[in-house]
PDB file of N, CA and C in Angstrom:
ATOM      1  N   MET A   1      93.263 -87.230 165.729  1.00  0.00           N
ATOM      2  CA  MET A   1      93.720 -86.351 167.190  1.00  0.00           C
ATOM      3  C   MET A   1      95.115 -85.378 167.433  1.00  0.00           C
ATOM      4  N   LEU A   2      94.907 -84.886 167.739  1.00  0.00           N
ATOM      5  CA  LEU A   2      96.594 -83.817 167.633  1.00  0.00           C
ATOM      6  C   LEU A   2      96.693 -83.462 168.867  1.00  0.00           C
ATOM      7  N   THR A   3      97.929 -83.359 169.165  1.00  0.00           N
ATOM      8  CA  THR A   3      98.680 -82.857 170.157  1.00  0.00           C
ATOM      9  C   THR A   3     100.090 -81.722 169.842  1.00  0.00           C
ATOM     10  N   ILE A   4      99.918 -80.661 170.524  1.00  0.00           N
ATOM     11  CA  ILE A   4     100.528 -79.398 170.875  1.00  0.00           C
ATOM     12  C   ILE A   4     100.980 -78.928 171.990  1.00  0.00           C
ATOM     13  N   HIS A   5     102.402 -79.415 172.373  1.00  0.00           N
ATOM     14  CA  HIS A   5     103.298 -79.008 173.330  1.00  0.00           C
ATOM     15  C   HIS A   5     103.004 -77.489 173.667  1.00  0.00           C
ATOM     16  N   LEU A   6     102.867 -76.987 174.801  1.00  0.00           N
ATOM     17  CA  LEU A   6     102.965 -75.164 174.636  1.00  0.00           C
ATOM     18  C   LEU A   6     103.749 -74.994 175.765  1.00  0.00           C
ATOM     19  N   GLY A   7     104.337 -75.576 176.872  1.00  0.00           N
ATOM     20  CA  GLY A   7     105.342 -75.441 177.378  1.00  0.00           C
ATOM     21  C   GLY A   7     105.181 -76.206 178.627  1.00  0.00           C
ATOM     22  N   SER A   8     106.591 -75.759 179.545  1.00  0.00           N
ATOM     23  CA  SER A   8     105.959 -76.260 181.223  1.00  0.00           C
ATOM     24  C   SER A   8     104.747 -76.305 181.554  1.00  0.00           C
ATOM     25  N   GLU A   9     104.426 -77.098 182.169  1.00  0.00           N
ATOM     26  CA  GLU A   9     103.361 -77.690 183.010  1.00  0.00           C
ATOM     27  C   GLU A   9     103.219 -76.985 184.285  1.00  0.00           C
ATOM     28  N   THR A  10     104.898 -76.365 184.906  1.00  0.00           N
ATOM     29  CA  THR A  10     104.558 -75.069 186.074  1.00  0.00           C
ATOM     30  C   THR A  10     104.354 -73.856 185.846  1.00  0.00           C
ATOM     31  N   ASP A  11     104.559 -73.371 184.460  1.00  0.00           N
ATOM     32  CA  ASP A  11     104.211 -72.301 183.832  1.00  0.00           C
ATOM     33  C   ASP A  11     102.961 -71.657 184.058  1.00  0.00           C
ATOM     34  N   ASP A  12     102.786 -70.749 185.240  1.00  0.00           N
ATOM     35  CA  ASP A  12     101.682 -70.297 185.761  1.00  0.00           C
ATOM     36  C   ASP A  12     100.687 -69.339 184.652  1.00  0.00           C
ATOM     37  N   ASP A  13     101.495 -68.758 184.381  1.00  0.00           N
ATOM     38  CA  ASP A  13     101.672 -67.597 183.040  1.00  0.00           C
ATOM     39  C   ASP A  13     101.291 -67.900 181.992  1.00  0.00           C
ATOM     40  N   LEU A  14     101.702 -69.320 181.650  1.00  0.00           N
ATOM     41  CA  LEU A  14     100.991 -69.812 180.376  1.00  0.00           C
ATOM     42  C   LEU A  14      99.466 -70.412 180.509  1.00  0.00           C
ATOM     43  N   PHE A  15      99.496 -71.032 181.792  1.00  0.00           N
ATOM     44  CA  PHE A  15      98.069 -71.872 181.976  1.00  0.00           C
ATOM     45  C   PHE A  15      97.177 -70.226 182.147  1.00  0.00           C
ATOM     46  N   GLU A  16      97.332 -69.562 182.857  1.00  0.00           N
ATOM     47  CA  GLU A  16      96.581 -68.571 182.564  1.00  0.00           C
ATOM     48  C   GLU A  16      96.288 -67.548 181.365  1.00  0.00           C
ATOM     49  N   ARG A  17      97.344 -67.887 180.721  1.00  0.00           N
ATOM     50  CA  ARG A  17      96.938 -67.286 179.223  1.00  0.00           C
ATOM     51  C   ARG A  17      95.917 -67.798 178.544  1.00  0.00           C
ATOM     52  N   LEU A  18      96.044 -69.004 178.843  1.00  0.00           N
ATOM     53  CA  LEU A  18      95.168 -70.482 178.455  1.00  0.00           C
ATOM     54  C   LEU A  18      93.816 -70.356 178.561  1.00  0.00           C
ATOM     55  N   CYS A  19      93.769 -69.970 179.928  1.00  0.00           N
ATOM     56  CA  CYS A  19      92.303 -69.422 180.613  1.00  0.00           C
ATOM     57  C   CYS A  19      91.408 -68.283 179.858  1.00  0.00           C
ATOM     58  N   SER A  20      92.895 -67.368 179.860  1.00  0.00           N
ATOM     59  CA  SER A  20      92.058 -65.837 179.213  1.00  0.00           C
ATOM     60  C   SER A  20      91.225 -66.371 177.422  1.00  0.00           C
ATOM     61  N   GLU A  21      92.603 -66.833 176.815  1.00  0.00           N
ATOM     62  CA  GLU A  21      91.947 -67.153 175.581  1.00  0.00           C
ATOM     63  C   GLU A  21      90.991 -67.874 175.203  1.00  0.00           C
ATOM     64  N   VAL A  22      90.573 -69.093 176.146  1.00  0.00           N
ATOM     65  CA  VAL A  22      89.775 -69.762 176.161  1.00  0.00           C
ATOM     66  C   VAL A  22      88.250 -68.586 176.013  1.00  0.00           C
ATOM     67  N   VAL A  23      88.276 -67.927 177.512  1.00  0.00           N
ATOM     68  CA  VAL A  23      87.331 -67.194 177.673  1.00  0.00           C
ATOM     69  C   VAL A  23      86.816 -66.325 176.431  1.00  0.00           C
ATOM     70  N   GLY A  24      87.969 -65.880 175.978  1.00  0.00           N
ATOM     71  CA  GLY A  24      87.794 -64.765 174.627  1.00  0.00           C
ATOM     72  C   GLY A  24      87.617 -65.087 173.618  1.00  0.00           C
ATOM     73  N   MET A  25      87.473 -66.572 173.558  1.00  0.00           N
ATOM     74  CA  MET A  25      86.955 -67.347 172.469  1.00  0.00           C
ATOM     75  C   MET A  25      85.449 -67.994 172.644  1.00  0.00           C
ATOM     76  N   GLY A  26      85.207 -67.375 173.687  1.00  0.00           N
ATOM     77  CA  GLY A  26      83.613 -68.007 174.231  1.00  0.00           C
ATOM     78  C   GLY A  26      83.176 -68.985 174.857  1.00  0.00           C
ATOM     79  N   GLY A  27      84.316 -69.375 175.206  1.00  0.00           N
ATOM     80  CA  GLY A  27      84.498 -71.056 176.274  1.00  0.00           C
ATOM     81  C   GLY A  27      84.986 -70.832 177.181  1.00  0.00           C
ATOM     82  N   SER A  28      84.888 -72.239 178.044  1.00  0.00           N
ATOM     83  CA  SER A  28      84.742 -72.561 179.113  1.00  0.00           C
ATOM     84  C   SER A  28      86.000 -73.210 179.802  1.00  0.00           C
ATOM     85  N   ILE A  29      86.668 -73.568 180.727  1.00  0.00           N
ATOM     86  CA  ILE A  29      87.377 -74.574 181.248  1.00  0.00           C
ATOM     87  C   ILE A  29      86.632 -75.113 182.165  1.00  0.00           C
ATOM     88  N   ALA A  30      86.131 -76.973 181.690  1.00  0.00           N
ATOM     89  CA  ALA A  30      84.931 -77.067 183.009  1.00  0.00           C
ATOM     90  C   ALA A  30      85.792 -78.170 183.690  1.00  0.00           C
ATOM     91  N   ASP A  31      85.861 -79.239 183.080  1.00  0.00           N
ATOM     92  CA  ASP A  31      86.306 -80.278 184.637  1.00  0.00           C
ATOM     93  C   ASP A  31      87.732 -80.357 184.596  1.00  0.00           C
ATOM     94  N   SER A  32      88.274 -80.791 185.904  1.00  0.00           N
ATOM     95  CA  SER A  32      89.358 -81.307 185.675  1.00  0.00           C
ATOM     96  C   SER A  32      89.984 -82.576 185.801  1.00  0.00           C
ATOM     97  N   GLN A  33      90.625 -83.691 185.604  1.00  0.00           N
ATOM     98  CA  GLN A  33      91.200 -85.286 186.677  1.00  0.00           C
ATOM     99  C   GLN A  33      92.047 -85.014 186.452  1.00  0.00           C
ATOM    100  N   TRP A  34      92.775 -85.394 187.755  1.00  0.00           N
ATOM    101  CA  TRP A  34      94.007 -85.579 188.223  1.00  0.00           C
ATOM    102  C   TRP A  34      94.371 -87.097 188.817  1.00  0.00           C
ATOM    103  N   VAL A  35      95.769 -87.561 187.860  1.00  0.00           N
ATOM    104  CA  VAL A  35      95.753 -88.687 188.038  1.00  0.00           C
ATOM    105  C   VAL A  35      96.949 -88.966 188.693  1.00  0.00           C
ATOM    106  N   LEU A  36      97.597 -89.548 189.629  1.00  0.00           N
ATOM    107  CA  LEU A  36      99.040 -89.590 190.028  1.00  0.00           C
ATOM    108  C   LEU A  36      99.531 -91.422 189.356  1.00  0.00           C
ATOM    109  N   GLY A  37     100.401 -91.393 188.847  1.00  0.00           N
ATOM    110  CA  GLY A  37     101.081 -92.512 188.431  1.00  0.00           C
ATOM    111  C   GLY A  37     102.861 -92.564 188.912  1.00  0.00           C
ATOM    112  N   GLY A  38     103.193 -93.320 190.505  1.00  0.00           N
ATOM    113  CA  GLY A  38     104.564 -93.136 190.384  1.00  0.00           C
ATOM    114  C   GLY A  38     104.936 -91.368 190.789  1.00  0.00           C
ATOM    115  N   SER A  39     106.068 -91.125 190.428  1.00  0.00           N
ATOM    116  CA  SER A  39     106.356 -90.173 190.302  1.00  0.00           C
ATOM    117  C   SER A  39     105.664 -89.107 189.221  1.00  0.00           C
ATOM    118  N   GLN A  40     105.017 -89.372 188.729  1.00  0.00           N
ATOM    119  CA  GLN A  40     104.193 -88.096 187.790  1.00  0.00           C
ATOM    120  C   GLN A  40     103.045 -88.001 187.854  1.00  0.00           C
ATOM    121  N   GLU A  41     102.482 -86.815 187.358  1.00  0.00           N
ATOM    122  CA  GLU A  41     101.386 -86.129 187.793  1.00  0.00           C
ATOM    123  C   GLU A  41     100.967 -85.576 186.560  1.00  0.00           C
ATOM    124  N   ARG A  42      99.865 -86.229 186.098  1.00  0.00           N
ATOM    125  CA  ARG A  42      98.861 -85.642 185.155  1.00  0.00           C
ATOM    126  C   ARG A  42      97.371 -85.094 185.640  1.00  0.00           C
ATOM    127  N   THR A  43      97.592 -83.752 185.119  1.00  0.00           N
ATOM    128  CA  THR A  43      96.070 -83.114 185.083  1.00  0.00           C
ATOM    129  C   THR A  43      95.249 -82.678 184.036  1.00  0.00           C
ATOM    130  N   THR A  44      93.695 -83.504 183.914  1.00  0.00           N
ATOM    131  CA  THR A  44      93.374 -83.163 182.538  1.00  0.00           C
ATOM    132  C   THR A  44      91.924 -82.212 182.296  1.00  0.00           C
ATOM    133  N   TYR A  45      92.380 -81.717 181.657  1.00  0.00           N
ATOM    134  CA  TYR A  45      91.149 -79.648 181.610  1.00  0.00           C
ATOM    135  C   TYR A  45      89.873 -79.967 180.604  1.00  0.00           C
ATOM    136  N   THR A  46      89.138 -80.366 180.030  1.00  0.00           N
ATOM    137  CA  THR A  46      87.800 -80.244 179.455  1.00  0.00           C
ATOM    138  C   THR A  46      87.948 -78.251 179.027  1.00  0.00           C
ATOM    139  N   ILE A  47      88.018 -78.130 177.732  1.00  0.00           N
ATOM    140  CA  ILE A  47      87.794 -77.096 177.554  1.00  0.00           C
ATOM    141  C   ILE A  47      86.580 -77.192 176.148  1.00  0.00           C
ATOM    142  N   ASN A  48      85.705 -76.418 176.947  1.00  0.00           N
ATOM    143  CA  ASN A  48      84.510 -76.112 176.112  1.00  0.00           C
ATOM    144  C   ASN A  48      84.509 -75.122 175.002  1.00  0.00           C
ATOM    145  N   LEU A  49      84.525 -75.151 173.861  1.00  0.00           N
ATOM    146  CA  LEU A  49      84.153 -73.860 172.725  1.00  0.00           C
ATOM    147  C   LEU A  49      83.419 -73.763 172.477  1.00  0.00           C
ATOM    148  N   PRO A  50      82.465 -72.792 171.617  1.00  0.00           N
ATOM    149  CA  PRO A  50      81.294 -72.740 170.583  1.00  0.00           C
ATOM    150  C   PRO A  50      81.647 -74.089 169.743  1.00  0.00           C
ATOM    151  N   THR A  51      82.527 -74.331 169.407  1.00  0.00           N
ATOM    152  CA  THR A  51      83.048 -75.390 168.055  1.00  0.00           C
ATOM    153  C   THR A  51      83.081 -76.553 168.766  1.00  0.00           C
ATOM    154  N   GLY A  52      83.264 -76.848 169.241  1.00  0.00           N
ATOM    155  CA  GLY A  52      83.804 -78.055 170.221  1.00  0.00           C
ATOM    156  C   GLY A  52      84.948 -78.178 171.302  1.00  0.00           C
ATOM    157  N   THR A  53      84.766 -79.445 171.791  1.00  0.00           N
ATOM    158  CA  THR A  53      85.789 -80.025 172.725  1.00  0.00           C
ATOM    159  C   THR A  53      87.164 -80.203 172.685  1.00  0.00           C
ATOM    160  N   LEU A  54      87.710 -79.900 173.600  1.00  0.00           N
ATOM    161  CA  LEU A  54      89.243 -80.184 173.484  1.00  0.00           C
ATOM    162  C   LEU A  54      89.662 -80.723 175.211  1.00  0.00           C
ATOM    163  N   GLU A  55      91.269 -80.561 175.028  1.00  0.00           N
ATOM    164  CA  GLU A  55      91.780 -81.412 176.257  1.00  0.00           C
ATOM    165  C   GLU A  55      92.742 -80.036 176.465  1.00  0.00           C
ATOM    166  N   ALA A  56      92.856 -79.465 177.568  1.00  0.00           N
ATOM    167  CA  ALA A  56      94.435 -79.121 178.123  1.00  0.00           C
ATOM    168  C   ALA A  56      95.216 -80.249 179.116  1.00  0.00           C
ATOM    169  N   VAL A  57      96.383 -80.875 178.688  1.00  0.00           N
ATOM    170  CA  VAL A  57      97.124 -81.918 179.682  1.00  0.00           C
ATOM    171  C   VAL A  57      98.051 -81.385 180.187  1.00  0.00           C
ATOM    172  N   ALA A  58      98.317 -81.535 181.790  1.00  0.00           N
ATOM    173  CA  ALA A  58      99.552 -80.629 182.075  1.00  0.00           C
ATOM    174  C   ALA A  58      99.948 -82.287 183.045  1.00  0.00           C
ATOM    175  N   GLU A  59     101.661 -82.403 182.522  1.00  0.00           N
ATOM    176  CA  GLU A  59     101.791 -83.590 183.012  1.00  0.00           C
ATOM    177  C   GLU A  59     103.169 -83.619 183.366  1.00  0.00           C
ATOM    178  N   THR A  60     103.713 -83.962 184.597  1.00  0.00           N
ATOM    179  CA  THR A  60     105.359 -84.222 184.940  1.00  0.00           C
ATOM    180  C   THR A  60     105.949 -84.411 183.693  1.00  0.00           C
ATOM    181  N   TYR A  61     106.958 -84.084 183.774  1.00  0.00           N
ATOM    182  CA  TYR A  61     108.473 -84.860 182.661  1.00  0.00           C
ATOM    183  C   TYR A  61     107.780 -84.058 181.135  1.00  0.00           C
ATOM    184  N   VAL A  62     106.130 -83.930 180.520  1.00  0.00           N
ATOM    185  CA  VAL A  62     106.289 -83.616 179.639  1.00  0.00           C
ATOM    186  C   VAL A  62     105.748 -82.581 179.129  1.00  0.00           C
ATOM    187  N   GLY A  63     104.931 -80.951 180.002  1.00  0.00           N
ATOM    188  CA  GLY A  63     104.133 -80.226 180.242  1.00  0.00           C
ATOM    189  C   GLY A  63     103.253 -80.119 179.974  1.00  0.00           C
ATOM    190  N   LEU A  64     102.500 -78.704 179.237  1.00  0.00           N
ATOM    191  CA  LEU A  64     101.576 -78.172 179.239  1.00  0.00           C
ATOM    192  C   LEU A  64     100.971 -78.724 177.707  1.00  0.00           C
ATOM    193  N   SER A  65      99.916 -79.133 177.562  1.00  0.00           N
ATOM    194  CA  SER A  65      99.521 -79.520 175.844  1.00  0.00           C
ATOM    195  C   SER A  65      98.111 -79.190 175.334  1.00  0.00           C
ATOM    196  N   LEU A  66      97.579 -78.804 174.613  1.00  0.00           N
ATOM    197  CA  LEU A  66      96.263 -79.391 173.801  1.00  0.00           C
ATOM    198  C   LEU A  66      96.259 -80.261 173.044  1.00  0.00           C
ATOM    199  N   VAL A  67      95.691 -80.941 173.006  1.00  0.00           N
ATOM    200  CA  VAL A  67      94.799 -82.678 172.915  1.00  0.00           C
ATOM    201  C   VAL A  67      93.261 -82.394 172.210  1.00  0.00           C
ATOM    202  N   GLY A  68      93.326 -82.782 170.891  1.00  0.00           N
ATOM    203  CA  GLY A  68      91.906 -82.475 170.484  1.00  0.00           C
ATOM    204  C   GLY A  68      91.923 -82.435 168.734  1.00  0.00           C
ATOM    205  N   ASP A  69      91.152 -81.996 167.937  1.00  0.00           N
ATOM    206  CA  ASP A  69      91.114 -82.563 166.919  1.00  0.00           C
ATOM    207  C   ASP A  69      91.821 -80.985 166.499  1.00  0.00           C
ATOM    208  N   ALA A  70      92.619 -81.059 165.106  1.00  0.00           N
ATOM    209  CA  ALA A  70      93.251 -79.851 164.507  1.00  0.00           C
ATOM    210  C   ALA A  70      92.743 -78.694 164.601  1.00  0.00           C
ATOM    211  N   ALA A  71      91.627 -78.500 163.921  1.00  0.00           N
ATOM    212  CA  ALA A  71      90.584 -77.625 163.708  1.00  0.00           C
ATOM    213  C   ALA A  71      90.906 -76.381 164.925  1.00  0.00           C
ATOM    214  N   LEU A  72      90.515 -77.327 166.248  1.00  0.00           N
ATOM    215  CA  LEU A  72      90.495 -76.606 167.216  1.00  0.00           C
ATOM    216  C   LEU A  72      91.274 -76.983 168.301  1.00  0.00           C
ATOM    217  N   VAL A  73      92.487 -77.336 168.150  1.00  0.00           N
ATOM    218  CA  VAL A  73      94.054 -77.043 168.470  1.00  0.00           C
ATOM    219  C   VAL A  73      94.628 -75.934 168.010  1.00  0.00           C
ATOM    220  N   HIS A  74      94.799 -75.867 166.460  1.00  0.00           N
ATOM    221  CA  HIS A  74      95.667 -75.098 166.077  1.00  0.00           C
ATOM    222  C   HIS A  74      95.479 -73.747 166.338  1.00  0.00           C
ATOM    223  N   PRO A  75      93.953 -73.629 166.129  1.00  0.00           N
ATOM    224  CA  PRO A  75      93.719 -71.676 166.607  1.00  0.00           C
ATOM    225  C   PRO A  75      94.450 -71.270 168.002  1.00  0.00           C
ATOM    226  N   LEU A  76      94.018 -71.709 168.785  1.00  0.00           N
ATOM    227  CA  LEU A  76      93.878 -71.609 170.242  1.00  0.00           C
ATOM    228  C   LEU A  76      95.873 -72.123 169.926  1.00  0.00           C
ATOM    229  N   ALA A  77      96.331 -72.870 170.037  1.00  0.00           N
ATOM    230  CA  ALA A  77      97.836 -72.840 170.194  1.00  0.00           C
ATOM    231  C   ALA A  77      98.354 -71.620 169.260  1.00  0.00           C
ATOM    232  N   LYS A  78      98.243 -71.355 167.904  1.00  0.00           N
ATOM    233  CA  LYS A  78      98.318 -70.070 167.613  1.00  0.00           C
ATOM    234  C   LYS A  78      98.076 -69.025 168.510  1.00  0.00           C
ATOM    235  N   LYS A  79      97.075 -68.512 169.436  1.00  0.00           N
ATOM    236  CA  LYS A  79      97.291 -67.608 170.072  1.00  0.00           C
ATOM    237  C   LYS A  79      97.814 -67.629 171.073  1.00  0.00           C
ATOM    238  N   LEU A  80      98.134 -68.709 171.867  1.00  0.00           N
ATOM    239  CA  LEU A  80      99.093 -68.626 172.602  1.00  0.00           C
ATOM    240  C   LEU A  80     100.643 -68.891 172.119  1.00  0.00           C
ATOM    241  N   LEU A  81     100.907 -69.360 171.542  1.00  0.00           N
ATOM    242  CA  LEU A  81     102.634 -69.460 170.992  1.00  0.00           C
ATOM    243  C   LEU A  81     103.122 -68.645 169.999  1.00  0.00           C
ATOM    244  N   GLY A  82     101.765 -67.828 169.289  1.00  0.00           N
ATOM    245  CA  GLY A  82     101.887 -66.611 168.024  1.00  0.00           C
ATOM    246  C   GLY A  82     102.967 -67.944 167.300  1.00  0.00           C
ATOM    247  N   THR A  83     103.666 -66.571 167.083  1.00  0.00           N
ATOM    248  CA  THR A  83     104.853 -67.241 165.698  1.00  0.00           C
ATOM    249  C   THR A  83     105.835 -68.533 166.160  1.00  0.00           C
ATOM    250  N   GLN A  84     106.209 -68.630 167.661  1.00  0.00           N
ATOM    251  CA  GLN A  84     106.921 -69.403 168.282  1.00  0.00           C
ATOM    252  C   GLN A  84     106.330 -70.937 167.270  1.00  0.00           C
ATOM    253  N   SER A  85     107.224 -71.546 167.131  1.00  0.00           N
ATOM    254  CA  SER A  85     106.950 -73.025 166.357  1.00  0.00           C
ATOM    255  C   SER A  85     107.005 -73.953 167.371  1.00  0.00           C
ATOM    256  N   SER A  86     105.970 -74.812 167.241  1.00  0.00           N
ATOM    257  CA  SER A  86     105.493 -76.279 168.192  1.00  0.00           C
ATOM    258  C   SER A  86     105.604 -77.218 167.587  1.00  0.00           C
ATOM    259  N   THR A  87     105.685 -78.777 168.187  1.00  0.00           N
ATOM    260  CA  THR A  87     105.437 -79.848 167.488  1.00  0.00           C
ATOM    261  C   THR A  87     104.166 -80.389 167.882  1.00  0.00           C
ATOM    262  N   ASP A  88     103.731 -80.823 166.213  1.00  0.00           N
ATOM    263  CA  ASP A  88     102.799 -81.101 166.126  1.00  0.00           C
ATOM    264  C   ASP A  88     102.732 -82.709 166.428  1.00  0.00           C
ATOM    265  N   GLU A  89     101.867 -83.446 167.168  1.00  0.00           N
ATOM    266  CA  GLU A  89     101.876 -85.032 167.365  1.00  0.00           C
ATOM    267  C   GLU A  89     101.120 -85.523 167.367  1.00  0.00           C
ATOM    268  N   PRO A  90     100.414 -87.340 166.527  1.00  0.00           N
ATOM    269  CA  PRO A  90      99.171 -87.499 166.649  1.00  0.00           C
ATOM    270  C   PRO A  90      99.461 -87.922 168.673  1.00  0.00           C
ATOM    271  N   ALA A  91      97.480 -87.700 168.936  1.00  0.00           N
ATOM    272  CA  ALA A  91      97.522 -88.084 170.172  1.00  0.00           C
ATOM    273  C   ALA A  91      97.864 -89.346 170.560  1.00  0.00           C
ATOM    274  N   ALA A  92      98.520 -90.091 171.266  1.00  0.00           N
ATOM    275  CA  ALA A  92      98.299 -91.658 171.923  1.00  0.00           C
ATOM    276  C   ALA A  92      96.878 -92.113 172.713  1.00  0.00           C
TER     277      ALA A  92
END
C-alpha cells in the first residue's frame, strides 16, 4: 500500500479535479465513510477504476491523500499533481 499526499483537505478545487480525473479514467467515486475522533475528522472515499480500487482520504491536519496499490495511485496522482513532487509513504 502506498499513500501520496495531494494537498489540503479543504481544497475544494483539488477534490473536484480528483473527481474529474477519476471519471476521465472510466471510474467512479462510490462510498464515503466519515469518522470523528476528538477534533480530527476523516472522510474516506472509495475510488473504483477499471483497473482496481483505491481510496481518497481527507483528514484534518493531514490533508487529502490517495491510498492503495502503487500501480493505481501513481498514475492518478501524476495527473493531479503534474510535475509537482509528492511524498510517497507506506500506508499505516
